[in-house]
Amino acid sequence: MDKKVIQYTVACVSEFAASKNLTERQAFDYLCNHGAMDFLVEFYDVEHTLSFDDAVNDLTLVSQKNGGKIQ
């Protein structure tokens, strides 16, 4: 995996954790379990052009679509 993709996904997990009042580990596990990390890597080319707020929103929606309950 490209170093830029890794750095971006780490930043997104951190932003997601902060916005949802989770630890980074909790956020990472949640996003992995609900398909959002795969989404983030697959669509990196588009997602990294958006704001972190937009990325967090997308991660939330993808997770919810895959059974996640965090709003």
C-alpha atoms as a PDB file:
ATOM      1  CA  MET A   1       0.000   0.000   0.000  1.00  0.00           C
ATOM      2  CA  ASP A   2       1.224   3.471  -0.854  1.00  0.00           C
ATOM      3  CA  LYS A   3       2.605   5.558   2.014  1.00  0.00           C
ATOM      4  CA  LYS A   4       0.208   8.414   1.175  1.00  0.00           C
ATOM      5  CA  VAL A   5      -2.793   6.091   1.420  1.00  0.00           C
ATOM      6  CA  ILE A   6      -1.617   4.831   4.807  1.00  0.00           C
ATOM      7  CA  GLN A   7      -1.066   8.350   6.130  1.00  0.00           C
ATOM      8  CA  TYR A   8      -4.484   9.419   4.886  1.00  0.00           C
ATOM      9  CA  THR A   9      -6.296   6.443   6.389  1.00  0.00           C
ATOM     10  CA  VAL A  10      -4.566   7.005   9.745  1.00  0.00           C
ATOM     11  CA  ALA A  11      -5.666  10.650   9.672  1.00  0.00           C
ATOM     12  CA  CYS A  12      -9.233   9.661   8.796  1.00  0.00           C
ATOM     13  CA  VAL A  13      -9.410   7.117  11.616  1.00  0.00           C
ATOM     14  CA  SER A  14      -8.178   9.786  14.013  1.00  0.00           C
ATOM     15  CA  GLU A  15     -10.765  12.291  12.767  1.00  0.00           C
ATOM     16  CA  PHE A  16     -13.524   9.682  12.953  1.00  0.00           C
ATOM     17  CA  ALA A  17     -12.509   8.758  16.501  1.00  0.00           C
ATOM     18  CA  ALA A  18     -12.512  12.382  17.625  1.00  0.00           C
ATOM     19  CA  SER A  19     -15.889  13.101  16.031  1.00  0.00           C
ATOM     20  CA  LYS A  20     -17.536  10.029  17.564  1.00  0.00           C
ATOM     21  CA  ASN A  21     -15.857  10.217  20.978  1.00  0.00           C
ATOM     22  CA  LEU A  22     -13.991   6.920  20.489  1.00  0.00           C
ATOM     23  CA  THR A  23     -10.409   5.880  20.977  1.00  0.00           C
ATOM     24  CA  GLU A  24      -8.469   5.486  17.753  1.00  0.00           C
ATOM     25  CA  ARG A  25      -8.368   1.721  18.330  1.00  0.00           C
ATOM     26  CA  GLN A  26     -12.149   1.577  18.791  1.00  0.00           C
ATOM     27  CA  ALA A  27     -12.646   3.660  15.651  1.00  0.00           C
ATOM     28  CA  PHE A  28     -10.271   1.477  13.619  1.00  0.00           C
ATOM     29  CA  ASP A  29     -11.951  -1.747  14.750  1.00  0.00           C
ATOM     30  CA  TYR A  30     -15.423  -0.329  14.070  1.00  0.00           C
ATOM     31  CA  LEU A  31     -14.472   0.932  10.600  1.00  0.00           C
ATOM     32  CA  CYS A  32     -12.812  -2.390   9.721  1.00  0.00           C
ATOM     33  CA  ASN A  33     -15.764  -4.424  10.960  1.00  0.00           C
ATOM     34  CA  HIS A  34     -18.234  -2.385   8.911  1.00  0.00           C
ATOM     35  CA  GLY A  35     -16.392  -2.151   5.590  1.00  0.00           C
ATOM     36  CA  ALA A  36     -15.427   1.501   5.845  1.00  0.00           C
ATOM     37  CA  MET A  37     -11.663   0.940   5.795  1.00  0.00           C
ATOM     38  CA  ASP A  38     -11.955  -1.063   2.581  1.00  0.00           C
ATOM     39  CA  PHE A  39     -14.065   1.760   1.152  1.00  0.00           C
ATOM     40  CA  LEU A  40     -11.502   4.357   2.182  1.00  0.00           C
ATOM     41  CA  VAL A  41      -8.650   2.498   0.507  1.00  0.00           C
ATOM     42  CA  GLU A  42     -10.637   1.625  -2.615  1.00  0.00           C
ATOM     43  CA  PHE A  43     -11.834   5.187  -3.148  1.00  0.00           C
ATOM     44  CA  TYR A  44      -8.735   6.992  -1.883  1.00  0.00           C
ATOM     45  CA  ASP A  45      -8.346   8.795  -5.206  1.00  0.00           C
ATOM     46  CA  VAL A  46     -11.642  10.632  -4.613  1.00  0.00           C
ATOM     47  CA  GLU A  47     -11.845  10.697  -0.812  1.00  0.00           C
ATOM     48  CA  HIS A  48      -8.477  12.394  -0.282  1.00  0.00           C
ATOM     49  CA  THR A  49      -9.711  15.389  -2.290  1.00  0.00           C
ATOM     50  CA  LEU A  50     -12.559  15.975   0.192  1.00  0.00           C
ATOM     51  CA  SER A  51     -12.506  17.604   3.597  1.00  0.00           C
ATOM     52  CA  PHE A  52     -12.055  15.419   6.654  1.00  0.00           C
ATOM     53  CA  ASP A  53     -15.635  16.281   7.634  1.00  0.00           C
ATOM     54  CA  ASP A  54     -16.846  14.862   4.323  1.00  0.00           C
ATOM     55  CA  ALA A  55     -14.647  11.784   4.749  1.00  0.00           C
ATOM     56  CA  VAL A  56     -15.997  11.169   8.270  1.00  0.00           C
ATOM     57  CA  ASN A  57     -19.520  11.527   6.930  1.00  0.00           C
ATOM     58  CA  ASP A  58     -18.790   9.016   4.162  1.00  0.00           C
ATOM     59  CA  LEU A  59     -17.239   6.577   6.649  1.00  0.00           C
ATOM     60  CA  THR A  60     -20.298   6.914   8.867  1.00  0.00           C
ATOM     61  CA  LEU A  61     -22.674   6.243   5.965  1.00  0.00           C
ATOM     62  CA  VAL A  62     -20.710   3.236   4.683  1.00  0.00           C
ATOM     63  CA  SER A  63     -20.545   1.790   8.203  1.00  0.00           C
ATOM     64  CA  GLN A  64     -24.271   2.266   8.737  1.00  0.00           C
ATOM     65  CA  LYS A  65     -24.982   0.613   5.400  1.00  0.00           C
ATOM     66  CA  ASN A  66     -23.025  -2.395   6.645  1.00  0.00           C
ATOM     67  CA  GLY A  67     -24.765  -2.702  10.008  1.00  0.00           C
ATOM     68  CA  GLY A  68     -22.950  -0.042  12.048  1.00  0.00           C
ATOM     69  CA  LYS A  69     -25.013   1.794  14.625  1.00  0.00           C
ATOM     70  CA  ILE A  70     -22.837   4.849  15.277  1.00  0.00           C
ATOM     71  CA  GLN A  71     -24.432   8.029  14.017  1.00  0.00           C
END
